[in-house]
Amino acid sequence: MNDAPIAGTFRLDGMIQGPLPPDLSVTGDIEAWILSARASGLVFHLRVDGPGFSIVTDPGIQATSRLAKPDLEALLSDALDGLLLLLPASCRGGVFSTVRSEEFRPGLALQTLFTVHPDGAVASEQRVVQIKTQEPHPEITAASLRRAALPALVVLLLILLASVFFIDYRKLFSEARDRVVPLAKEEVTVNQAALGKVVEVELAGIDHPHGALLFQLKRGSDWDRAHAAPPQDNPATWPDFLIRLAIHQSRLRIELYDKDDNNLGGGEISLDAIQKKPSAQVTVVANLSERLARIVIRP
């Protein structure tokens, strides 16, 4: 019980809690995330309770040499970012994290707390504590020697977000015009950077009478590579894992925003059509309450 920790090991504690979207099924995506995190050396356990989920860390001591990336703080931050991207924007602000890592190096412990801001961004706060440690077991690797040689780095990031709301009469007149003049597809920007070169998406038209968006889908140059590999099969990066998972689930997520960057809702684009042929047009019912200005498409 009182034994000093072994240098070259780490442990996790805490949990992540958050809401599940009522109109989208993401439990399977989170389960795939659990498997991919485990493959990178991070062990979590999932519990779903009605409209919410809880992910608990495994408290067991693990060897840092088994991690997919030598920087534990960066690896955990990337993993939590990948988890949040599985949720629609409307749910990310409700995610709460008490996840903490403790990495043991010769004579010190790096203790890092991971939190989630109201805007869904992951932040970490780290401190270095001088402690008594045991010598690592003989299985010393080049990676562990490089990590032990690095000087201790204390990172303290405090992000303060302020929102200032003001009255703009030009904006009021613009909003009145927006309610009279039909929206043209050329007024809407489409951000599909998260898809890389796997899938190309173009807004082909807007069906105003039915409140629908028409998208032209096309396989990209990386389609065959991403399509062939299972999501959890040694992903090079979390974005790579997410796009493979999207192809495996045969869907993309869309988020809709107005010109003031307010979220207007979201939905899914089915990839069933381009599973069978290189390109196809699909329809997504939007039911927009405000004028659309920007579409973000994610895995």
Protein backbone atom coordinates (compact mmCIF):
# COMPACT_ATOMS: atom_id res chain seq x y z
CA MET A 1 0.00 0.00 0.00
CA ASN A 2 2.89 2.37 0.92
CA ASP A 3 5.21 1.27 -1.91
CA ALA A 4 6.61 4.12 -3.99
CA PRO A 5 5.32 4.21 -7.58
CA ILE A 6 7.53 2.87 -10.36
CA ALA A 7 9.04 5.36 -12.78
CA GLY A 8 7.83 4.77 -16.33
CA THR A 9 4.21 4.09 -15.33
CA PHE A 10 0.98 6.10 -15.18
CA ARG A 11 -2.56 5.82 -13.87
CA LEU A 12 -5.89 7.49 -14.63
CA ASP A 13 -8.86 8.34 -12.47
CA GLY A 14 -12.08 10.35 -12.79
CA MET A 15 -14.88 10.16 -15.30
CA ILE A 16 -16.57 11.86 -18.24
CA GLN A 17 -20.32 12.47 -18.19
CA GLY A 18 -22.56 13.99 -20.82
CA PRO A 19 -25.95 13.99 -22.53
CA LEU A 20 -26.85 11.87 -25.53
CA PRO A 21 -28.71 13.48 -28.45
CA PRO A 22 -32.37 12.36 -28.51
CA ASP A 23 -32.53 12.24 -32.33
CA LEU A 24 -29.19 10.56 -33.14
CA SER A 25 -27.77 7.19 -32.13
CA VAL A 26 -24.15 7.69 -31.07
CA THR A 27 -23.78 4.92 -28.47
CA GLY A 28 -22.21 2.62 -31.04
CA ASP A 29 -19.77 5.39 -32.03
CA ILE A 30 -18.75 5.87 -28.38
CA GLU A 31 -18.23 2.12 -27.98
CA ALA A 32 -15.93 2.20 -31.04
CA TRP A 33 -14.10 5.14 -29.45
CA ILE A 34 -13.57 3.05 -26.28
CA LEU A 35 -11.93 0.29 -28.38
CA SER A 36 -9.74 2.74 -30.29
CA ALA A 37 -8.64 4.46 -27.06
CA ARG A 38 -7.73 1.08 -25.60
CA ALA A 39 -5.62 0.31 -28.67
CA SER A 40 -3.68 3.53 -28.00
CA GLY A 41 -3.04 2.52 -24.37
CA LEU A 42 -5.92 4.34 -22.62
CA VAL A 43 -8.46 2.12 -20.85
CA PHE A 44 -12.02 3.40 -20.26
CA HIS A 45 -15.34 1.76 -19.36
CA LEU A 46 -18.71 2.96 -20.74
CA ARG A 47 -22.08 3.12 -18.99
CA VAL A 48 -25.25 4.46 -20.62
CA ASP A 49 -28.11 5.65 -18.39
CA GLY A 50 -31.14 6.72 -20.42
CA PRO A 51 -30.46 10.15 -21.93
CA GLY A 52 -26.85 10.33 -20.74
CA PHE A 53 -23.56 8.45 -20.70
CA SER A 54 -20.69 7.99 -18.25
CA ILE A 55 -17.17 6.93 -19.16
CA VAL A 56 -15.04 5.82 -16.21
CA THR A 57 -11.27 5.53 -16.34
CA ASP A 58 -9.57 2.25 -15.43
CA PRO A 59 -7.51 2.92 -12.25
CA GLY A 60 -4.90 0.22 -12.96
CA ILE A 61 -1.22 1.12 -13.20
CA GLN A 62 -0.04 1.04 -16.84
CA ALA A 63 3.40 1.22 -18.46
CA THR A 64 3.95 4.43 -20.42
CA SER A 65 5.95 2.44 -22.99
CA ARG A 66 2.63 0.96 -24.19
CA LEU A 67 1.18 4.34 -25.17
CA ALA A 68 0.70 5.09 -28.86
CA LYS A 69 2.17 8.59 -28.34
CA PRO A 70 4.99 9.40 -25.87
CA ASP A 71 3.23 12.55 -24.59
CA LEU A 72 0.45 11.29 -22.29
CA GLU A 73 -1.13 14.76 -21.94
CA ALA A 74 -1.35 15.21 -25.73
CA LEU A 75 -2.64 11.67 -26.24
CA LEU A 76 -5.44 12.14 -23.69
CA SER A 77 -6.35 15.57 -25.05
CA ASP A 78 -6.60 14.17 -28.60
CA ALA A 79 -8.70 11.26 -27.34
CA LEU A 80 -11.16 13.55 -25.52
CA ASP A 81 -11.34 15.83 -28.58
CA GLY A 82 -12.20 12.75 -30.66
CA LEU A 83 -14.95 11.79 -28.19
CA LEU A 84 -16.52 15.28 -28.25
CA LEU A 85 -16.56 15.29 -32.06
CA LEU A 86 -18.83 12.24 -31.93
CA LEU A 87 -21.50 14.42 -30.27
CA PRO A 88 -23.49 17.16 -32.01
CA ALA A 89 -22.56 20.73 -31.07
CA SER A 90 -25.72 21.10 -28.98
CA CYS A 91 -24.54 18.34 -26.60
CA ARG A 92 -20.86 19.22 -26.19
CA GLY A 93 -21.47 22.06 -23.74
CA GLY A 94 -23.13 19.59 -21.35
CA VAL A 95 -20.10 17.30 -21.12
CA PHE A 96 -18.35 17.30 -17.73
CA SER A 97 -14.90 15.82 -17.09
CA THR A 98 -13.00 14.99 -13.90
CA VAL A 99 -10.42 12.89 -15.73
CA ARG A 100 -6.96 13.12 -14.16
CA SER A 101 -3.72 11.44 -15.17
CA GLU A 102 -0.67 10.86 -12.99
CA GLU A 103 2.53 9.95 -14.82
CA PHE A 104 5.53 8.82 -12.81
CA ARG A 105 9.06 9.71 -13.86
CA PRO A 106 12.24 9.35 -11.79
CA GLY A 107 11.72 11.47 -8.66
CA LEU A 108 8.54 13.22 -9.79
CA ALA A 109 4.91 12.85 -10.81
CA LEU A 110 3.17 14.77 -13.60
CA GLN A 111 -0.44 15.31 -12.52
CA THR A 112 -2.81 16.58 -15.20
CA LEU A 113 -6.50 17.51 -14.91
CA PHE A 114 -8.63 17.48 -18.08
CA THR A 115 -11.77 19.63 -18.22
CA VAL A 116 -14.33 20.55 -20.87
CA HIS A 117 -15.31 24.20 -21.37
CA PRO A 118 -18.94 25.21 -22.08
CA ASP A 119 -18.06 25.59 -25.77
CA GLY A 120 -17.00 21.93 -25.92
CA ALA A 121 -13.23 22.59 -25.97
CA VAL A 122 -10.90 20.35 -23.97
CA ALA A 123 -8.42 22.03 -21.60
CA SER A 124 -5.68 20.56 -19.44
CA GLU A 125 -3.92 21.86 -16.34
CA GLN A 126 -0.69 20.20 -15.19
CA ARG A 127 1.58 20.38 -12.17
CA VAL A 128 4.83 18.62 -11.26
CA VAL A 129 5.21 17.09 -7.78
CA GLN A 130 8.48 15.85 -6.33
CA ILE A 131 8.00 12.30 -4.99
CA LYS A 132 9.97 9.17 -4.22
CA THR A 133 9.85 6.64 -7.05
CA GLN A 134 11.22 3.18 -7.64
CA GLU A 135 13.57 2.31 -10.46
CA PRO A 136 11.70 0.98 -13.50
CA HIS A 137 11.72 -2.71 -14.29
CA PRO A 138 14.39 -3.93 -16.75
CA GLU A 139 12.12 -3.53 -19.82
CA ILE A 140 13.64 -0.15 -20.70
CA THR A 141 12.92 1.12 -24.21
CA ALA A 142 14.43 3.95 -26.23
CA ALA A 143 11.12 5.82 -25.94
CA SER A 144 11.08 5.63 -22.14
CA LEU A 145 14.71 6.84 -21.97
CA ARG A 146 13.87 9.84 -24.19
CA ARG A 147 10.86 10.65 -22.03
CA ALA A 148 12.92 10.44 -18.81
CA ALA A 149 15.58 12.75 -20.30
CA LEU A 150 13.09 15.51 -21.09
CA PRO A 151 12.88 18.34 -18.53
CA ALA A 152 9.63 18.60 -16.61
CA LEU A 153 7.24 21.02 -18.22
CA VAL A 154 4.45 22.76 -16.29
CA VAL A 155 1.62 23.88 -18.52
CA LEU A 156 -1.11 26.09 -17.10
CA LEU A 157 -3.73 27.12 -19.62
CA LEU A 158 -6.60 29.37 -18.47
CA ILE A 159 -9.02 30.17 -21.27
CA LEU A 160 -11.53 32.91 -20.55
CA LEU A 161 -14.31 33.23 -23.07
CA ALA A 162 -16.40 36.36 -23.07
CA SER A 163 -19.49 36.98 -25.17
CA VAL A 164 -20.63 40.53 -25.74
CA PHE A 165 -24.12 41.08 -27.15
CA PHE A 166 -25.10 44.44 -28.62
CA ILE A 167 -27.82 45.96 -30.76
CA ASP A 168 -26.92 46.53 -34.39
CA TYR A 169 -29.63 48.22 -36.47
CA ARG A 170 -28.00 47.25 -39.75
CA LYS A 171 -28.24 43.68 -38.53
CA LEU A 172 -31.95 44.14 -37.77
CA PHE A 173 -32.63 45.41 -41.29
CA SER A 174 -30.55 42.58 -42.73
CA GLU A 175 -32.58 40.02 -40.78
CA ALA A 176 -35.82 41.56 -42.08
CA ARG A 177 -34.51 41.24 -45.64
CA ASP A 178 -33.48 37.64 -45.00
CA ARG A 179 -37.08 36.73 -44.14
CA VAL A 180 -38.33 38.11 -47.47
CA VAL A 181 -35.64 37.09 -49.98
CA PRO A 182 -35.25 33.31 -50.57
CA LEU A 183 -31.88 31.86 -49.64
CA ALA A 184 -29.60 30.97 -52.56
CA LYS A 185 -27.08 28.14 -52.33
CA GLU A 186 -24.26 30.56 -53.27
CA GLU A 187 -24.83 32.39 -49.95
CA VAL A 188 -24.01 29.27 -47.92
CA THR A 189 -20.45 28.19 -47.21
CA VAL A 190 -19.67 24.51 -46.69
CA ASN A 191 -16.80 23.51 -44.37
CA GLN A 192 -15.77 19.91 -45.08
CA ALA A 193 -12.13 20.13 -43.97
CA ALA A 194 -12.66 17.31 -41.47
CA LEU A 195 -13.39 14.89 -44.34
CA GLY A 196 -9.91 15.26 -45.84
CA LYS A 197 -9.73 13.63 -49.26
CA VAL A 198 -12.11 10.79 -48.40
CA VAL A 199 -15.47 12.30 -49.34
CA GLU A 200 -16.31 15.46 -51.33
CA VAL A 201 -19.59 17.21 -50.50
CA GLU A 202 -21.17 20.08 -52.45
CA LEU A 203 -24.39 21.94 -51.66
CA ALA A 204 -26.25 21.33 -54.93
CA GLY A 205 -29.44 23.22 -54.11
CA ILE A 206 -32.06 24.29 -51.58
CA ASP A 207 -35.62 22.99 -51.74
CA HIS A 208 -37.48 25.85 -50.02
CA PRO A 209 -41.04 24.40 -50.23
CA HIS A 210 -39.93 21.22 -48.42
CA GLY A 211 -37.28 22.80 -46.20
CA ALA A 212 -34.58 20.50 -47.56
CA LEU A 213 -30.92 20.75 -48.55
CA LEU A 214 -29.65 18.89 -51.63
CA PHE A 215 -26.07 17.59 -51.42
CA GLN A 216 -23.90 16.13 -54.16
CA LEU A 217 -21.62 13.42 -52.72
CA LYS A 218 -18.51 12.07 -54.40
CA ARG A 219 -15.84 9.60 -53.36
CA GLY A 220 -12.47 11.29 -52.81
CA SER A 221 -9.01 10.04 -53.66
CA ASP A 222 -8.60 8.49 -50.16
CA TRP A 223 -11.97 6.72 -50.20
CA ASP A 224 -10.65 3.25 -50.97
CA ARG A 225 -7.99 3.40 -48.24
CA ALA A 226 -10.42 4.61 -45.55
CA HIS A 227 -13.17 2.26 -46.71
CA ALA A 228 -10.95 -0.81 -46.47
CA ALA A 229 -9.80 -0.40 -42.84
CA PRO A 230 -12.00 -1.01 -39.74
CA PRO A 231 -12.33 2.13 -37.54
CA GLN A 232 -10.38 0.74 -34.56
CA ASP A 233 -7.62 -0.89 -36.65
CA ASN A 234 -4.53 1.09 -35.55
CA PRO A 235 -5.73 4.57 -36.63
CA ALA A 236 -2.85 6.94 -37.29
CA THR A 237 -4.77 9.89 -35.82
CA TRP A 238 -8.11 10.54 -34.20
CA PRO A 239 -9.39 12.32 -37.36
CA ASP A 240 -8.46 9.17 -39.31
CA PHE A 241 -10.41 7.07 -36.80
CA LEU A 242 -13.44 9.35 -37.08
CA ILE A 243 -13.62 9.28 -40.89
CA ARG A 244 -13.20 5.50 -40.95
CA LEU A 245 -15.96 5.19 -38.36
CA ALA A 246 -18.21 7.45 -40.46
CA ILE A 247 -17.72 5.24 -43.52
CA HIS A 248 -18.29 2.13 -41.40
CA GLN A 249 -21.52 3.64 -40.04
CA SER A 250 -22.34 4.98 -43.55
CA ARG A 251 -23.12 8.50 -42.41
CA LEU A 252 -21.70 12.00 -42.02
CA ARG A 253 -22.81 14.58 -39.47
CA ILE A 254 -23.86 18.08 -40.45
CA GLU A 255 -24.08 21.18 -38.27
CA LEU A 256 -25.98 24.26 -39.43
CA TYR A 257 -25.14 27.85 -38.40
CA ASP A 258 -26.51 31.32 -39.13
CA LYS A 259 -24.31 34.31 -40.03
CA ASP A 260 -23.74 35.06 -36.33
CA ASP A 261 -22.44 31.52 -35.83
CA ASN A 262 -25.48 30.43 -33.80
CA ASN A 263 -26.16 26.72 -34.10
CA LEU A 264 -29.44 26.06 -35.95
CA GLY A 265 -29.43 22.30 -35.51
CA GLY A 266 -27.91 19.34 -37.26
CA GLY A 267 -28.50 15.96 -38.75
CA GLU A 268 -26.91 13.23 -40.80
CA ILE A 269 -26.06 12.63 -44.45
CA SER A 270 -26.35 8.98 -45.49
CA LEU A 271 -23.41 7.53 -47.41
CA ASP A 272 -25.40 4.51 -48.61
CA ALA A 273 -25.63 5.91 -52.15
CA ILE A 274 -21.86 6.28 -52.68
CA GLN A 275 -21.21 2.90 -51.09
CA LYS A 276 -22.69 1.59 -54.35
CA LYS A 277 -21.47 4.15 -56.91
CA PRO A 278 -18.82 6.91 -57.01
CA SER A 279 -21.20 9.88 -56.77
CA ALA A 280 -24.81 10.55 -55.90
CA GLN A 281 -27.21 13.28 -54.74
CA VAL A 282 -28.91 13.05 -51.34
CA THR A 283 -31.51 15.17 -49.55
CA VAL A 284 -31.46 16.31 -45.91
CA VAL A 285 -34.55 17.90 -44.34
CA ALA A 286 -33.37 20.96 -42.38
CA ASN A 287 -36.53 22.69 -40.99
CA LEU A 288 -34.58 25.90 -40.39
CA SER A 289 -35.94 28.61 -38.10
CA GLU A 290 -33.30 31.18 -39.10
CA ARG A 291 -31.43 32.00 -42.30
CA LEU A 292 -28.67 29.50 -43.00
CA ALA A 293 -25.12 30.85 -43.63
CA ARG A 294 -22.69 28.01 -42.91
CA ILE A 295 -22.68 24.23 -42.97
CA VAL A 296 -20.03 22.17 -41.18
CA ILE A 297 -19.70 18.54 -42.25
CA ARG A 298 -17.91 16.12 -39.93
CA PRO A 299 -17.32 12.38 -39.74
